[in-house]
Amino acid sequence: MATVAPPRAAAEAPAFEPYVSPAQHPAELIIRALVLGAALFAKQAEAAGVPAADYLGHLAGLERGVGPIAASDLVAILAFLGLGGVLYRVARR
């Protein structure tokens, strides 16, 4: 008759980690805060009677700093090439 080895003890349990429900996970809370902020921002832009992107550009002072970059086709092409490179590297893994 073959003898059966006793089962090995399970690896020690990791240190105590309290259960955090998915609704209270930090990443979920950050997403909820961003969505709430975007909704409030869009409401302010609507009250001002302008598109939200124009309102953000005016409010944050991005019109002068980002305007020439946003209008450049070269920046868009470089951004797409960069994203394509990242996707290519991820797909090769």
N, C-alpha and C. Protein backbone atom coordinates (compact mmCIF):
# COMPACT_ATOMS: atom_id res chain seq x y z
N MET A 1 0.81 -1.18 0.00
CA MET A 1 0.00 0.00 0.00
C MET A 1 0.86 1.25 0.00
N ALA A 2 0.44 2.20 -0.80
CA ALA A 2 1.17 3.45 -0.87
C ALA A 2 0.75 4.34 0.28
N THR A 3 1.73 5.03 0.83
CA THR A 3 1.39 5.95 1.91
C THR A 3 1.14 7.33 1.32
N VAL A 4 0.22 8.00 1.90
CA VAL A 4 -0.13 9.34 1.45
C VAL A 4 0.51 10.34 2.40
N ALA A 5 1.22 11.26 1.81
CA ALA A 5 1.86 12.30 2.63
C ALA A 5 0.79 13.23 3.17
N PRO A 6 0.95 13.68 4.37
CA PRO A 6 -0.04 14.63 4.91
C PRO A 6 -0.01 15.92 4.10
N PRO A 7 -1.14 16.59 4.01
CA PRO A 7 -1.17 17.84 3.24
C PRO A 7 -0.24 18.87 3.85
N ARG A 8 0.37 19.63 2.97
CA ARG A 8 1.27 20.68 3.45
C ARG A 8 0.47 21.83 4.03
N ALA A 9 1.06 22.45 4.99
CA ALA A 9 0.39 23.60 5.60
C ALA A 9 0.36 24.74 4.58
N ALA A 10 -0.75 25.40 4.54
CA ALA A 10 -0.87 26.53 3.61
C ALA A 10 0.11 27.61 4.02
N ALA A 11 0.53 28.37 3.03
CA ALA A 11 1.44 29.48 3.32
C ALA A 11 0.78 30.40 4.33
N GLU A 12 1.61 31.00 5.12
CA GLU A 12 1.05 31.87 6.14
C GLU A 12 0.21 32.97 5.51
N ALA A 13 -0.86 33.27 6.18
CA ALA A 13 -1.75 34.32 5.68
C ALA A 13 -1.01 35.65 5.71
N PRO A 14 -1.28 36.50 4.72
CA PRO A 14 -0.63 37.81 4.74
C PRO A 14 -1.11 38.63 5.93
N ALA A 15 -0.41 39.67 6.19
CA ALA A 15 -0.80 40.56 7.29
C ALA A 15 -2.25 41.00 7.10
N PHE A 16 -2.88 41.36 8.16
CA PHE A 16 -4.30 41.72 8.11
C PHE A 16 -4.53 42.87 7.13
N GLU A 17 -5.44 42.64 6.22
CA GLU A 17 -5.84 43.67 5.27
C GLU A 17 -7.34 43.84 5.39
N PRO A 18 -7.79 44.98 5.87
CA PRO A 18 -9.23 45.15 6.02
C PRO A 18 -9.93 45.14 4.67
N TYR A 19 -11.14 44.62 4.68
CA TYR A 19 -11.91 44.57 3.44
C TYR A 19 -12.35 45.97 3.06
N VAL A 20 -12.11 46.32 1.83
CA VAL A 20 -12.56 47.60 1.29
C VAL A 20 -13.49 47.27 0.13
N SER A 21 -14.73 47.66 0.28
CA SER A 21 -15.67 47.36 -0.79
C SER A 21 -15.27 48.11 -2.05
N PRO A 22 -15.60 47.56 -3.23
CA PRO A 22 -15.23 48.24 -4.47
C PRO A 22 -15.76 49.67 -4.55
N ALA A 23 -16.89 49.93 -3.90
CA ALA A 23 -17.46 51.28 -3.95
C ALA A 23 -16.62 52.27 -3.14
N GLN A 24 -15.78 51.77 -2.23
CA GLN A 24 -14.98 52.67 -1.41
C GLN A 24 -13.49 52.59 -1.74
N HIS A 25 -13.15 51.87 -2.78
CA HIS A 25 -11.74 51.75 -3.17
C HIS A 25 -11.25 53.13 -3.62
N PRO A 26 -10.02 53.50 -3.31
CA PRO A 26 -9.53 54.83 -3.67
C PRO A 26 -9.67 55.16 -5.16
N ALA A 27 -9.43 54.19 -6.02
CA ALA A 27 -9.55 54.47 -7.45
C ALA A 27 -11.00 54.80 -7.80
N GLU A 28 -11.93 54.09 -7.21
CA GLU A 28 -13.35 54.36 -7.47
C GLU A 28 -13.74 55.73 -6.95
N LEU A 29 -13.22 56.10 -5.79
CA LEU A 29 -13.54 57.41 -5.23
C LEU A 29 -12.97 58.53 -6.10
N ILE A 30 -11.78 58.31 -6.64
CA ILE A 30 -11.17 59.33 -7.51
C ILE A 30 -12.01 59.50 -8.77
N ILE A 31 -12.44 58.39 -9.35
CA ILE A 31 -13.28 58.46 -10.55
C ILE A 31 -14.57 59.20 -10.26
N ARG A 32 -15.19 58.87 -9.13
CA ARG A 32 -16.44 59.55 -8.77
C ARG A 32 -16.22 61.05 -8.57
N ALA A 33 -15.11 61.43 -7.94
CA ALA A 33 -14.82 62.84 -7.73
C ALA A 33 -14.61 63.56 -9.06
N LEU A 34 -13.91 62.91 -10.00
CA LEU A 34 -13.70 63.52 -11.31
C LEU A 34 -15.00 63.70 -12.07
N VAL A 35 -15.86 62.70 -12.01
CA VAL A 35 -17.15 62.80 -12.70
C VAL A 35 -18.00 63.90 -12.09
N LEU A 36 -18.01 63.97 -10.77
CA LEU A 36 -18.78 65.02 -10.09
C LEU A 36 -18.22 66.39 -10.44
N GLY A 37 -16.90 66.54 -10.44
CA GLY A 37 -16.29 67.81 -10.81
C GLY A 37 -16.60 68.21 -12.24
N ALA A 38 -16.57 67.23 -13.15
CA ALA A 38 -16.89 67.52 -14.55
C ALA A 38 -18.34 67.95 -14.69
N ALA A 39 -19.24 67.30 -13.95
CA ALA A 39 -20.66 67.67 -14.02
C ALA A 39 -20.88 69.09 -13.49
N LEU A 40 -20.23 69.42 -12.39
CA LEU A 40 -20.37 70.77 -11.84
C LEU A 40 -19.77 71.81 -12.78
N PHE A 41 -18.64 71.48 -13.37
CA PHE A 41 -18.00 72.39 -14.31
C PHE A 41 -18.88 72.62 -15.54
N ALA A 42 -19.45 71.53 -16.07
CA ALA A 42 -20.33 71.65 -17.24
C ALA A 42 -21.55 72.49 -16.91
N LYS A 43 -22.05 72.36 -15.68
CA LYS A 43 -23.22 73.16 -15.27
C LYS A 43 -22.86 74.65 -15.22
N GLN A 44 -21.66 74.97 -14.73
CA GLN A 44 -21.22 76.36 -14.70
C GLN A 44 -21.05 76.92 -16.11
N ALA A 45 -20.50 76.09 -17.00
CA ALA A 45 -20.32 76.53 -18.38
C ALA A 45 -21.66 76.76 -19.06
N GLU A 46 -22.62 75.90 -18.77
CA GLU A 46 -23.95 76.06 -19.36
C GLU A 46 -24.62 77.33 -18.84
N ALA A 47 -24.42 77.61 -17.54
CA ALA A 47 -24.99 78.83 -16.97
C ALA A 47 -24.36 80.07 -17.60
N ALA A 48 -23.09 79.99 -17.98
CA ALA A 48 -22.41 81.11 -18.62
C ALA A 48 -22.79 81.21 -20.09
N GLY A 49 -23.38 80.16 -20.64
CA GLY A 49 -23.83 80.19 -22.03
C GLY A 49 -22.72 79.96 -23.05
N VAL A 50 -21.66 79.26 -22.64
CA VAL A 50 -20.56 78.97 -23.56
C VAL A 50 -20.25 77.48 -23.52
N PRO A 51 -19.60 76.95 -24.56
CA PRO A 51 -19.20 75.54 -24.52
C PRO A 51 -18.22 75.29 -23.37
N ALA A 52 -18.24 74.08 -22.82
CA ALA A 52 -17.42 73.76 -21.66
C ALA A 52 -15.93 73.90 -21.96
N ALA A 53 -15.50 73.51 -23.16
CA ALA A 53 -14.07 73.61 -23.49
C ALA A 53 -13.62 75.07 -23.52
N ASP A 54 -14.44 75.94 -24.09
CA ASP A 54 -14.09 77.36 -24.11
C ASP A 54 -14.08 77.94 -22.70
N TYR A 55 -15.03 77.50 -21.87
CA TYR A 55 -15.10 77.97 -20.49
C TYR A 55 -13.86 77.54 -19.71
N LEU A 56 -13.43 76.29 -19.92
CA LEU A 56 -12.24 75.81 -19.23
C LEU A 56 -11.01 76.58 -19.69
N GLY A 57 -10.89 76.81 -20.99
CA GLY A 57 -9.75 77.55 -21.51
C GLY A 57 -9.68 78.96 -20.95
N HIS A 58 -10.83 79.58 -20.82
CA HIS A 58 -10.88 80.94 -20.28
C HIS A 58 -10.62 80.94 -18.78
N LEU A 59 -11.26 80.01 -18.07
CA LEU A 59 -11.15 79.97 -16.61
C LEU A 59 -9.73 79.61 -16.16
N ALA A 60 -9.12 78.65 -16.81
CA ALA A 60 -7.79 78.20 -16.40
C ALA A 60 -6.67 78.99 -17.06
N GLY A 61 -6.99 79.88 -17.97
CA GLY A 61 -5.97 80.67 -18.64
C GLY A 61 -5.16 79.85 -19.63
N LEU A 62 -5.77 78.83 -20.18
CA LEU A 62 -5.07 77.95 -21.11
C LEU A 62 -5.12 78.45 -22.55
N GLU A 63 -5.91 79.46 -22.81
CA GLU A 63 -6.09 79.93 -24.19
C GLU A 63 -4.76 80.32 -24.83
N ARG A 64 -3.99 81.13 -24.13
CA ARG A 64 -2.73 81.62 -24.71
C ARG A 64 -1.64 80.56 -24.71
N GLY A 65 -1.57 79.77 -23.63
CA GLY A 65 -0.51 78.78 -23.52
C GLY A 65 -0.68 77.56 -24.41
N VAL A 66 -1.89 77.08 -24.53
CA VAL A 66 -2.13 75.84 -25.26
C VAL A 66 -2.62 76.10 -26.68
N GLY A 67 -3.11 77.28 -26.94
CA GLY A 67 -3.69 77.59 -28.25
C GLY A 67 -2.82 77.23 -29.43
N PRO A 68 -1.58 77.71 -29.50
CA PRO A 68 -0.74 77.38 -30.66
C PRO A 68 -0.42 75.88 -30.75
N ILE A 69 -0.25 75.24 -29.62
CA ILE A 69 0.06 73.81 -29.62
C ILE A 69 -1.14 73.00 -30.10
N ALA A 70 -2.32 73.37 -29.63
CA ALA A 70 -3.53 72.64 -30.01
C ALA A 70 -3.84 72.81 -31.49
N ALA A 71 -3.46 73.93 -32.08
CA ALA A 71 -3.75 74.19 -33.49
C ALA A 71 -2.72 73.55 -34.41
N SER A 72 -1.63 73.03 -33.87
CA SER A 72 -0.55 72.47 -34.68
C SER A 72 -0.84 71.03 -35.08
N ASP A 73 -0.73 70.74 -36.37
CA ASP A 73 -0.90 69.36 -36.84
C ASP A 73 0.30 68.51 -36.44
N LEU A 74 1.45 69.09 -36.31
CA LEU A 74 2.65 68.35 -35.95
C LEU A 74 2.51 67.71 -34.57
N VAL A 75 1.94 68.44 -33.63
CA VAL A 75 1.75 67.90 -32.28
C VAL A 75 0.80 66.71 -32.32
N ALA A 76 -0.27 66.81 -33.11
CA ALA A 76 -1.21 65.70 -33.21
C ALA A 76 -0.55 64.48 -33.82
N ILE A 77 0.26 64.66 -34.85
CA ILE A 77 0.94 63.53 -35.49
C ILE A 77 1.91 62.89 -34.51
N LEU A 78 2.66 63.70 -33.77
CA LEU A 78 3.60 63.15 -32.79
C LEU A 78 2.87 62.40 -31.68
N ALA A 79 1.72 62.92 -31.26
CA ALA A 79 0.94 62.24 -30.22
C ALA A 79 0.45 60.88 -30.72
N PHE A 80 -0.05 60.83 -31.95
CA PHE A 80 -0.52 59.56 -32.49
C PHE A 80 0.63 58.58 -32.69
N LEU A 81 1.80 59.05 -33.11
CA LEU A 81 2.96 58.17 -33.25
C LEU A 81 3.38 57.61 -31.89
N GLY A 82 3.35 58.46 -30.88
CA GLY A 82 3.68 58.00 -29.53
C GLY A 82 2.71 56.96 -29.02
N LEU A 83 1.42 57.22 -29.21
CA LEU A 83 0.41 56.25 -28.79
C LEU A 83 0.54 54.94 -29.56
N GLY A 84 0.82 55.05 -30.86
CA GLY A 84 1.01 53.84 -31.67
C GLY A 84 2.19 53.03 -31.18
N GLY A 85 3.28 53.70 -30.82
CA GLY A 85 4.44 53.01 -30.28
C GLY A 85 4.14 52.30 -28.97
N VAL A 86 3.40 52.96 -28.10
CA VAL A 86 3.03 52.34 -26.83
C VAL A 86 2.15 51.12 -27.07
N LEU A 87 1.16 51.25 -27.94
CA LEU A 87 0.28 50.13 -28.23
C LEU A 87 1.05 48.97 -28.86
N TYR A 88 2.01 49.26 -29.72
CA TYR A 88 2.82 48.23 -30.35
C TYR A 88 3.63 47.45 -29.29
N ARG A 89 4.23 48.19 -28.35
CA ARG A 89 5.01 47.53 -27.30
C ARG A 89 4.12 46.68 -26.40
N VAL A 90 2.93 47.18 -26.09
CA VAL A 90 2.02 46.41 -25.24
C VAL A 90 1.54 45.16 -25.97
N ALA A 91 1.26 45.28 -27.27
CA ALA A 91 0.74 44.15 -28.03
C ALA A 91 1.81 43.07 -28.21
N ARG A 92 3.08 43.43 -28.21
CA ARG A 92 4.14 42.44 -28.40
C ARG A 92 4.42 41.62 -27.17
N ARG A 93 3.92 42.03 -26.03
CA ARG A 93 4.16 41.30 -24.77
C ARG A 93 3.38 40.04 -24.71
